[in-house]
Amino acid sequence: MNGKSFFVDLTLCTACRGCQVACKQWKDLPAEQTRNVGSHQNPQDLSAHTLKLVRFKEVRDKKGELRWNFFPEQCRHCIEPPCKYMLNMYKSNAVTHDSKTGAVVYNESVTLSKSVDLAPDQLCPYNVPRKNEETGQWTKCDMCIDRVQQGLKPACVTACPTGTMNFGDRDAMLEMAGKRLEAVKKTHPNAFLADPEDVRVIYLCQSDADDYASHVVAQAAHKQAIWAQVRPAEQTRRQFLTGQFKFGNNRG
């Protein structure tokens, strides 16, 4: 498999948020009104104006000692992106999958009718895309495709001072991830790579996924529920056109 990938080594992240700021600067995205809710995480969630967010979570280790875990969240650029198929059902070529890099790119036409009521987790098993409530346009990280096509690294990778964010040819990133995982397992035997076969943003976690955030890995039932919405046989045309999906108990 060719193309590009990120390797994100969470054991090195210090939550400096350089990646988060660099993303906003390169994309010329505005700041958001925020408030103190008892966490250093700021803002509290991804949005149409925040495509990269360093999540903070306080957990206790086996000794009962508190530890901060940091998770720089972004689009995973799935190998088989369900959001592409979902959104392209509404507008042809609204989402493209770049053949050279593997980047999943939302075009300006990803603006759906207000009657279409979709939630992020109905499009993505990682709950990443966000809709601009003013314009109706869906958006997310695009791998800084404009930079990558010119031989540059994504802005978030360039800004990272600790080596957490890495970017390059997929084979090289997988090799780097494998070697780093082997080293980390010597002191953290539960360390793992998050969905490396399914995504182009590969996270190295030193403990359980839930110690970082709610959608570090995709849940199988959730993925199946999303794929089932690509025009299921039992769905009427009216339900399809108005975005009335039936996740039921399968929703992750």
C-alpha atoms as a PDB file:
ATOM      1  CA  MET A   1       0.000   0.000   0.000  1.00  0.00           C
ATOM      2  CA  ASN A   2       1.444   3.333  -1.049  1.00  0.00           C
ATOM      3  CA  GLY A   3       0.700   6.924  -0.163  1.00  0.00           C
ATOM      4  CA  LYS A   4       1.480   8.936   2.955  1.00  0.00           C
ATOM      5  CA  SER A   5       0.840   8.397   6.648  1.00  0.00           C
ATOM      6  CA  PHE A   6       1.290  10.076  10.013  1.00  0.00           C
ATOM      7  CA  PHE A   7       2.904   8.364  12.979  1.00  0.00           C
ATOM      8  CA  VAL A   8       1.848  10.005  16.243  1.00  0.00           C
ATOM      9  CA  ASP A   9       3.907   8.882  19.242  1.00  0.00           C
ATOM     10  CA  LEU A  10       1.749   9.765  22.228  1.00  0.00           C
ATOM     11  CA  THR A  11       4.538   8.845  24.653  1.00  0.00           C
ATOM     12  CA  LEU A  12       6.358  12.009  23.556  1.00  0.00           C
ATOM     13  CA  CYS A  13       3.465  14.471  23.532  1.00  0.00           C
ATOM     14  CA  THR A  14       3.698  17.300  26.084  1.00  0.00           C
ATOM     15  CA  ALA A  15       0.466  19.031  25.049  1.00  0.00           C
ATOM     16  CA  CYS A  16       2.296  22.148  23.937  1.00  0.00           C
ATOM     17  CA  ARG A  17      -0.493  22.489  21.339  1.00  0.00           C
ATOM     18  CA  GLY A  18       1.927  23.713  18.712  1.00  0.00           C
ATOM     19  CA  CYS A  19       0.202  21.387  16.238  1.00  0.00           C
ATOM     20  CA  GLN A  20      -3.210  22.768  17.124  1.00  0.00           C
ATOM     21  CA  VAL A  21      -2.078  26.370  16.651  1.00  0.00           C
ATOM     22  CA  ALA A  22      -0.177  25.589  13.440  1.00  0.00           C
ATOM     23  CA  CYS A  23      -3.299  24.036  11.946  1.00  0.00           C
ATOM     24  CA  LYS A  24      -5.350  27.138  12.675  1.00  0.00           C
ATOM     25  CA  GLN A  25      -2.652  29.414  11.298  1.00  0.00           C
ATOM     26  CA  TRP A  26      -2.157  27.503   8.058  1.00  0.00           C
ATOM     27  CA  LYS A  27      -5.902  27.134   7.454  1.00  0.00           C
ATOM     28  CA  ASP A  28      -6.563  30.730   8.543  1.00  0.00           C
ATOM     29  CA  LEU A  29      -9.235  29.559  10.982  1.00  0.00           C
ATOM     30  CA  PRO A  30     -10.648  31.913  13.631  1.00  0.00           C
ATOM     31  CA  ALA A  31     -10.290  31.518  17.365  1.00  0.00           C
ATOM     32  CA  GLU A  32     -13.306  30.285  19.319  1.00  0.00           C
ATOM     33  CA  GLN A  33     -14.988  31.660  22.397  1.00  0.00           C
ATOM     34  CA  THR A  34     -14.102  29.307  25.254  1.00  0.00           C
ATOM     35  CA  ARG A  35     -14.569  29.031  29.013  1.00  0.00           C
ATOM     36  CA  ASN A  36     -12.870  27.271  31.898  1.00  0.00           C
ATOM     37  CA  VAL A  37     -14.511  23.925  32.618  1.00  0.00           C
ATOM     38  CA  GLY A  38     -11.843  22.556  34.933  1.00  0.00           C
ATOM     39  CA  SER A  39      -9.481  21.239  32.275  1.00  0.00           C
ATOM     40  CA  HIS A  40      -6.543  22.652  30.362  1.00  0.00           C
ATOM     41  CA  GLN A  41      -8.131  21.285  27.170  1.00  0.00           C
ATOM     42  CA  ASN A  42      -9.207  24.234  25.108  1.00  0.00           C
ATOM     43  CA  PRO A  43     -11.532  24.333  23.241  1.00  0.00           C
ATOM     44  CA  GLN A  44     -13.546  21.394  24.475  1.00  0.00           C
ATOM     45  CA  ASP A  45     -14.196  19.737  21.137  1.00  0.00           C
ATOM     46  CA  LEU A  46     -13.456  19.718  17.436  1.00  0.00           C
ATOM     47  CA  SER A  47     -15.482  22.117  15.324  1.00  0.00           C
ATOM     48  CA  ALA A  48     -15.632  23.612  11.862  1.00  0.00           C
ATOM     49  CA  HIS A  49     -13.011  26.100  13.107  1.00  0.00           C
ATOM     50  CA  THR A  50     -10.864  23.631  15.077  1.00  0.00           C
ATOM     51  CA  LEU A  51      -9.719  20.744  12.895  1.00  0.00           C
ATOM     52  CA  LYS A  52      -6.932  19.623  15.229  1.00  0.00           C
ATOM     53  CA  LEU A  53      -7.424  19.386  18.979  1.00  0.00           C
ATOM     54  CA  VAL A  54      -5.120  18.188  21.737  1.00  0.00           C
ATOM     55  CA  ARG A  55      -7.348  16.333  24.177  1.00  0.00           C
ATOM     56  CA  PHE A  56      -6.395  16.104  27.870  1.00  0.00           C
ATOM     57  CA  LYS A  57      -7.348  13.234  30.153  1.00  0.00           C
ATOM     58  CA  GLU A  58      -6.306  12.602  33.736  1.00  0.00           C
ATOM     59  CA  VAL A  59      -5.986   8.917  34.655  1.00  0.00           C
ATOM     60  CA  ARG A  60      -4.490   6.822  37.438  1.00  0.00           C
ATOM     61  CA  ASP A  61      -1.760   4.310  36.722  1.00  0.00           C
ATOM     62  CA  LYS A  62      -1.444   0.891  38.391  1.00  0.00           C
ATOM     63  CA  LYS A  63       0.209   2.519  41.386  1.00  0.00           C
ATOM     64  CA  GLY A  64      -2.733   4.861  41.801  1.00  0.00           C
ATOM     65  CA  GLU A  65      -0.741   7.897  40.771  1.00  0.00           C
ATOM     66  CA  LEU A  66      -2.342  10.516  38.570  1.00  0.00           C
ATOM     67  CA  ARG A  67      -1.044  10.984  35.042  1.00  0.00           C
ATOM     68  CA  TRP A  68      -1.954  13.322  32.208  1.00  0.00           C
ATOM     69  CA  ASN A  69      -2.538  11.700  28.822  1.00  0.00           C
ATOM     70  CA  PHE A  70      -2.581  13.860  25.715  1.00  0.00           C
ATOM     71  CA  PHE A  71      -4.238  12.990  22.428  1.00  0.00           C
ATOM     72  CA  PRO A  72      -3.764  15.292  19.391  1.00  0.00           C
ATOM     73  CA  GLU A  73      -6.931  14.376  17.532  1.00  0.00           C
ATOM     74  CA  GLN A  74      -7.546  14.819  13.821  1.00  0.00           C
ATOM     75  CA  CYS A  75      -9.058  13.012  10.847  1.00  0.00           C
ATOM     76  CA  ARG A  76      -7.552   9.526  10.509  1.00  0.00           C
ATOM     77  CA  HIS A  77      -7.662   9.531   6.679  1.00  0.00           C
ATOM     78  CA  CYS A  78      -9.118   6.046   6.561  1.00  0.00           C
ATOM     79  CA  ILE A  79      -7.926   3.579   3.952  1.00  0.00           C
ATOM     80  CA  GLU A  80     -11.603   2.980   3.153  1.00  0.00           C
ATOM     81  CA  PRO A  81     -13.326   6.173   4.360  1.00  0.00           C
ATOM     82  CA  PRO A  82     -17.032   5.654   5.130  1.00  0.00           C
ATOM     83  CA  CYS A  83     -17.611   9.418   5.219  1.00  0.00           C
ATOM     84  CA  LYS A  84     -16.680   9.605   1.545  1.00  0.00           C
ATOM     85  CA  TYR A  85     -19.386   7.161   0.535  1.00  0.00           C
ATOM     86  CA  MET A  86     -21.952   8.686   2.865  1.00  0.00           C
ATOM     87  CA  LEU A  87     -21.468  12.297   1.758  1.00  0.00           C
ATOM     88  CA  ASN A  88     -21.047  11.463  -1.913  1.00  0.00           C
ATOM     89  CA  MET A  89     -24.510   9.923  -1.830  1.00  0.00           C
ATOM     90  CA  TYR A  90     -25.825  13.434  -1.308  1.00  0.00           C
ATOM     91  CA  LYS A  91     -23.454  15.331  -3.615  1.00  0.00           C
ATOM     92  CA  SER A  92     -21.326  13.752  -6.308  1.00  0.00           C
ATOM     93  CA  ASN A  93     -17.571  14.138  -5.728  1.00  0.00           C
ATOM     94  CA  ALA A  94     -18.134  16.141  -2.558  1.00  0.00           C
ATOM     95  CA  VAL A  95     -15.381  14.051  -0.976  1.00  0.00           C
ATOM     96  CA  THR A  96     -12.308  12.902  -2.893  1.00  0.00           C
ATOM     97  CA  HIS A  97      -9.676  10.323  -2.012  1.00  0.00           C
ATOM     98  CA  ASP A  98      -6.320  11.500  -3.350  1.00  0.00           C
ATOM     99  CA  SER A  99      -4.695   8.616  -5.202  1.00  0.00           C
ATOM    100  CA  LYS A 100      -1.091   9.727  -4.548  1.00  0.00           C
ATOM    101  CA  THR A 101      -1.233  10.526  -0.837  1.00  0.00           C
ATOM    102  CA  GLY A 102      -4.358   8.756   0.385  1.00  0.00           C
ATOM    103  CA  ALA A 103      -5.692  12.015   1.813  1.00  0.00           C
ATOM    104  CA  VAL A 104      -9.459  12.172   2.278  1.00  0.00           C
ATOM    105  CA  VAL A 105     -10.418  15.676   1.175  1.00  0.00           C
ATOM    106  CA  TYR A 106     -13.739  17.455   1.686  1.00  0.00           C
ATOM    107  CA  ASN A 107     -14.407  19.808  -1.206  1.00  0.00           C
ATOM    108  CA  GLU A 108     -16.309  23.075  -0.931  1.00  0.00           C
ATOM    109  CA  SER A 109     -19.417  21.320  -2.208  1.00  0.00           C
ATOM    110  CA  VAL A 110     -19.839  19.357   1.044  1.00  0.00           C
ATOM    111  CA  THR A 111     -22.748  21.594   1.997  1.00  0.00           C
ATOM    112  CA  LEU A 112     -25.959  19.696   2.558  1.00  0.00           C
ATOM    113  CA  SER A 113     -29.533  20.842   2.823  1.00  0.00           C
ATOM    114  CA  LYS A 114     -30.653  21.942   6.257  1.00  0.00           C
ATOM    115  CA  SER A 115     -33.221  19.150   6.118  1.00  0.00           C
ATOM    116  CA  VAL A 116     -30.393  16.607   6.220  1.00  0.00           C
ATOM    117  CA  ASP A 117     -29.770  16.010   9.909  1.00  0.00           C
ATOM    118  CA  LEU A 118     -26.525  14.064  10.297  1.00  0.00           C
ATOM    119  CA  ALA A 119     -24.299  13.670  13.345  1.00  0.00           C
ATOM    120  CA  PRO A 120     -20.504  13.284  13.059  1.00  0.00           C
ATOM    121  CA  ASP A 121     -20.608   9.713  14.325  1.00  0.00           C
ATOM    122  CA  GLN A 122     -23.052   8.782  11.587  1.00  0.00           C
ATOM    123  CA  LEU A 123     -20.312   9.568   9.070  1.00  0.00           C
ATOM    124  CA  CYS A 124     -17.175   8.524  10.901  1.00  0.00           C
ATOM    125  CA  PRO A 125     -16.287   5.753  13.383  1.00  0.00           C
ATOM    126  CA  TYR A 126     -13.818   8.198  14.976  1.00  0.00           C
ATOM    127  CA  ASN A 127     -16.442  10.960  15.336  1.00  0.00           C
ATOM    128  CA  VAL A 128     -14.261  13.545  13.576  1.00  0.00           C
ATOM    129  CA  PRO A 129     -16.046  15.575  10.838  1.00  0.00           C
ATOM    130  CA  ARG A 130     -17.850  18.725  11.917  1.00  0.00           C
ATOM    131  CA  LYS A 131     -20.490  20.889  10.258  1.00  0.00           C
ATOM    132  CA  ASN A 132     -20.355  24.667  10.086  1.00  0.00           C
ATOM    133  CA  GLU A 133     -23.749  25.542  11.522  1.00  0.00           C
ATOM    134  CA  GLU A 134     -23.831  28.855   9.656  1.00  0.00           C
ATOM    135  CA  THR A 135     -23.036  27.522   6.186  1.00  0.00           C
ATOM    136  CA  GLY A 136     -23.985  23.865   6.487  1.00  0.00           C
ATOM    137  CA  GLN A 137     -20.589  22.820   5.121  1.00  0.00           C
ATOM    138  CA  TRP A 138     -18.865  19.748   6.550  1.00  0.00           C
ATOM    139  CA  THR A 139     -15.141  19.974   7.169  1.00  0.00           C
ATOM    140  CA  LYS A 140     -12.137  18.256   8.732  1.00  0.00           C
ATOM    141  CA  CYS A 141      -8.342  17.926   8.402  1.00  0.00           C
ATOM    142  CA  ASP A 142      -7.274  17.442   4.770  1.00  0.00           C
ATOM    143  CA  MET A 143      -3.687  16.315   5.503  1.00  0.00           C
ATOM    144  CA  CYS A 144      -2.554  19.803   4.409  1.00  0.00           C
ATOM    145  CA  ILE A 145      -2.854  18.425   0.900  1.00  0.00           C
ATOM    146  CA  ASP A 146      -1.774  21.769  -0.565  1.00  0.00           C
ATOM    147  CA  ARG A 147       1.509  21.582   1.355  1.00  0.00           C
ATOM    148  CA  VAL A 148       2.113  17.876   0.764  1.00  0.00           C
ATOM    149  CA  GLN A 149       1.647  18.255  -2.987  1.00  0.00           C
ATOM    150  CA  GLN A 150       4.472  20.819  -2.907  1.00  0.00           C
ATOM    151  CA  GLY A 151       6.815  18.491  -1.056  1.00  0.00           C
ATOM    152  CA  LEU A 152       6.186  19.989   2.398  1.00  0.00           C
ATOM    153  CA  LYS A 153       5.029  18.288   5.563  1.00  0.00           C
ATOM    154  CA  PRO A 154       1.645  19.094   7.142  1.00  0.00           C
ATOM    155  CA  ALA A 155       1.725  22.212   9.308  1.00  0.00           C
ATOM    156  CA  CYS A 156       1.101  20.260  12.519  1.00  0.00           C
ATOM    157  CA  VAL A 157       4.101  18.004  11.884  1.00  0.00           C
ATOM    158  CA  THR A 158       6.400  20.915  11.094  1.00  0.00           C
ATOM    159  CA  ALA A 159       5.387  22.673  14.319  1.00  0.00           C
ATOM    160  CA  CYS A 160       5.865  19.683  16.651  1.00  0.00           C
ATOM    161  CA  PRO A 161       9.003  20.158  18.814  1.00  0.00           C
ATOM    162  CA  THR A 162       9.091  16.743  20.524  1.00  0.00           C
ATOM    163  CA  GLY A 163       8.938  14.200  17.703  1.00  0.00           C
ATOM    164  CA  THR A 164       5.358  13.232  18.513  1.00  0.00           C
ATOM    165  CA  MET A 165       4.105  14.101  15.027  1.00  0.00           C
ATOM    166  CA  ASN A 166       5.801  12.332  12.111  1.00  0.00           C
ATOM    167  CA  PHE A 167       4.850  12.185   8.438  1.00  0.00           C
ATOM    168  CA  GLY A 168       6.143  10.451   5.343  1.00  0.00           C
ATOM    169  CA  ASP A 169       5.718   7.498   3.003  1.00  0.00           C
ATOM    170  CA  ARG A 170       3.366   4.966   4.542  1.00  0.00           C
ATOM    171  CA  ASP A 171       5.842   2.094   4.565  1.00  0.00           C
ATOM    172  CA  ALA A 172       8.420   4.247   6.352  1.00  0.00           C
ATOM    173  CA  MET A 173       5.882   5.400   8.954  1.00  0.00           C
ATOM    174  CA  LEU A 174       4.743   1.839   9.626  1.00  0.00           C
ATOM    175  CA  GLU A 175       8.347   0.775  10.077  1.00  0.00           C
ATOM    176  CA  MET A 176       8.998   3.674  12.461  1.00  0.00           C
ATOM    177  CA  ALA A 177       5.834   2.862  14.392  1.00  0.00           C
ATOM    178  CA  GLY A 178       6.742  -0.805  14.703  1.00  0.00           C
ATOM    179  CA  LYS A 179      10.239  -0.096  16.006  1.00  0.00           C
ATOM    180  CA  ARG A 180       8.998   2.503  18.464  1.00  0.00           C
ATOM    181  CA  LEU A 181       6.252   0.165  19.708  1.00  0.00           C
ATOM    182  CA  GLU A 182       8.820  -2.538  20.357  1.00  0.00           C
ATOM    183  CA  ALA A 183      10.878  -0.113  22.447  1.00  0.00           C
ATOM    184  CA  VAL A 184       7.906   1.246  24.415  1.00  0.00           C
ATOM    185  CA  LYS A 185       6.623  -2.237  25.238  1.00  0.00           C
ATOM    186  CA  LYS A 186       9.750  -2.847  27.312  1.00  0.00           C
ATOM    187  CA  THR A 187       8.420  -0.462  29.949  1.00  0.00           C
ATOM    188  CA  HIS A 188       4.711  -0.373  28.997  1.00  0.00           C
ATOM    189  CA  PRO A 189       3.711  -3.915  27.949  1.00  0.00           C
ATOM    190  CA  ASN A 190       0.150  -2.857  27.100  1.00  0.00           C
ATOM    191  CA  ALA A 191       1.285  -0.339  24.487  1.00  0.00           C
ATOM    192  CA  PHE A 192      -0.311  -0.701  21.068  1.00  0.00           C
ATOM    193  CA  LEU A 193      -0.826   0.959  17.684  1.00  0.00           C
ATOM    194  CA  ALA A 194      -4.370   2.206  17.051  1.00  0.00           C
ATOM    195  CA  ASP A 195      -5.923   0.642  13.933  1.00  0.00           C
ATOM    196  CA  PRO A 196      -2.726   0.753  11.823  1.00  0.00           C
ATOM    197  CA  GLU A 197      -4.200  -1.355   9.016  1.00  0.00           C
ATOM    198  CA  ASP A 198      -7.269   0.872   8.603  1.00  0.00           C
ATOM    199  CA  VAL A 199      -5.995   4.448   8.866  1.00  0.00           C
ATOM    200  CA  ARG A 200      -3.195   6.767   7.763  1.00  0.00           C
ATOM    201  CA  VAL A 201      -2.893   8.490  11.144  1.00  0.00           C
ATOM    202  CA  ILE A 202      -1.300   5.852  13.358  1.00  0.00           C
ATOM    203  CA  TYR A 203      -1.235   6.544  17.097  1.00  0.00           C
ATOM    204  CA  LEU A 204       1.090   4.808  19.535  1.00  0.00           C
ATOM    205  CA  CYS A 205      -0.645   4.497  22.898  1.00  0.00           C
ATOM    206  CA  GLN A 206       1.208   3.314  25.994  1.00  0.00           C
ATOM    207  CA  SER A 207      -1.976   2.196  27.786  1.00  0.00           C
ATOM    208  CA  ASP A 208      -5.643   1.463  27.093  1.00  0.00           C
ATOM    209  CA  ALA A 209      -7.432   3.522  24.456  1.00  0.00           C
ATOM    210  CA  ASP A 210      -9.961   4.749  27.021  1.00  0.00           C
ATOM    211  CA  ASP A 211      -7.091   6.354  28.921  1.00  0.00           C
ATOM    212  CA  TYR A 212      -6.810   8.910  26.120  1.00  0.00           C
ATOM    213  CA  ALA A 213     -10.161   9.715  24.525  1.00  0.00           C
ATOM    214  CA  SER A 214     -13.455   8.173  23.477  1.00  0.00           C
ATOM    215  CA  HIS A 215     -12.715   7.358  19.832  1.00  0.00           C
ATOM    216  CA  VAL A 216      -9.048   6.385  19.731  1.00  0.00           C
ATOM    217  CA  VAL A 217      -9.957   3.123  18.006  1.00  0.00           C
ATOM    218  CA  ALA A 218     -13.023   2.335  15.936  1.00  0.00           C
ATOM    219  CA  GLN A 219     -15.607  -0.033  17.359  1.00  0.00           C
ATOM    220  CA  ALA A 220     -16.570  -2.842  14.983  1.00  0.00           C
ATOM    221  CA  ALA A 221     -20.322  -2.479  15.625  1.00  0.00           C
ATOM    222  CA  HIS A 222     -20.137   1.252  14.976  1.00  0.00           C
ATOM    223  CA  LYS A 223     -18.284   0.773  11.682  1.00  0.00           C
ATOM    224  CA  GLN A 224     -20.794  -1.837  10.565  1.00  0.00           C
ATOM    225  CA  ALA A 225     -23.671   0.490  11.407  1.00  0.00           C
ATOM    226  CA  ILE A 226     -22.187   3.283   9.298  1.00  0.00           C
ATOM    227  CA  TRP A 227     -21.479   1.042   6.309  1.00  0.00           C
ATOM    228  CA  ALA A 228     -25.021  -0.321   6.544  1.00  0.00           C
ATOM    229  CA  GLN A 229     -26.337   3.191   5.886  1.00  0.00           C
ATOM    230  CA  VAL A 230     -24.865   3.278   2.389  1.00  0.00           C
ATOM    231  CA  ARG A 231     -28.374   2.930   1.006  1.00  0.00           C
ATOM    232  CA  PRO A 232     -29.667  -0.056   3.000  1.00  0.00           C
ATOM    233  CA  ALA A 233     -32.447  -2.017   1.322  1.00  0.00           C
ATOM    234  CA  GLU A 234     -34.968  -1.321   4.110  1.00  0.00           C
ATOM    235  CA  GLN A 235     -34.522   2.451   3.927  1.00  0.00           C
ATOM    236  CA  THR A 236     -37.046   4.446   1.936  1.00  0.00           C
ATOM    237  CA  ARG A 237     -35.946   7.066  -0.581  1.00  0.00           C
ATOM    238  CA  ARG A 238     -37.441   9.801   1.616  1.00  0.00           C
ATOM    239  CA  GLN A 239     -35.487   8.597   4.649  1.00  0.00           C
ATOM    240  CA  PHE A 240     -32.295   8.475   2.603  1.00  0.00           C
ATOM    241  CA  LEU A 241     -32.697  11.983   1.172  1.00  0.00           C
ATOM    242  CA  THR A 242     -33.472  13.522   4.559  1.00  0.00           C
ATOM    243  CA  GLY A 243     -30.700  11.743   6.437  1.00  0.00           C
ATOM    244  CA  GLN A 244     -32.955   9.612   8.633  1.00  0.00           C
ATOM    245  CA  PHE A 245     -30.673   6.775   9.666  1.00  0.00           C
ATOM    246  CA  LYS A 246     -31.408   3.941  12.048  1.00  0.00           C
ATOM    247  CA  PHE A 247     -28.389   3.131  14.154  1.00  0.00           C
ATOM    248  CA  GLY A 248     -30.433   1.675  17.003  1.00  0.00           C
ATOM    249  CA  ASN A 249     -28.456  -0.606  19.296  1.00  0.00           C
ATOM    250  CA  ASN A 250     -25.609  -0.817  16.779  1.00  0.00           C
ATOM    251  CA  ARG A 251     -24.564   2.747  17.398  1.00  0.00           C
ATOM    252  CA  GLY A 252     -21.088   2.891  18.935  1.00  0.00           C
END
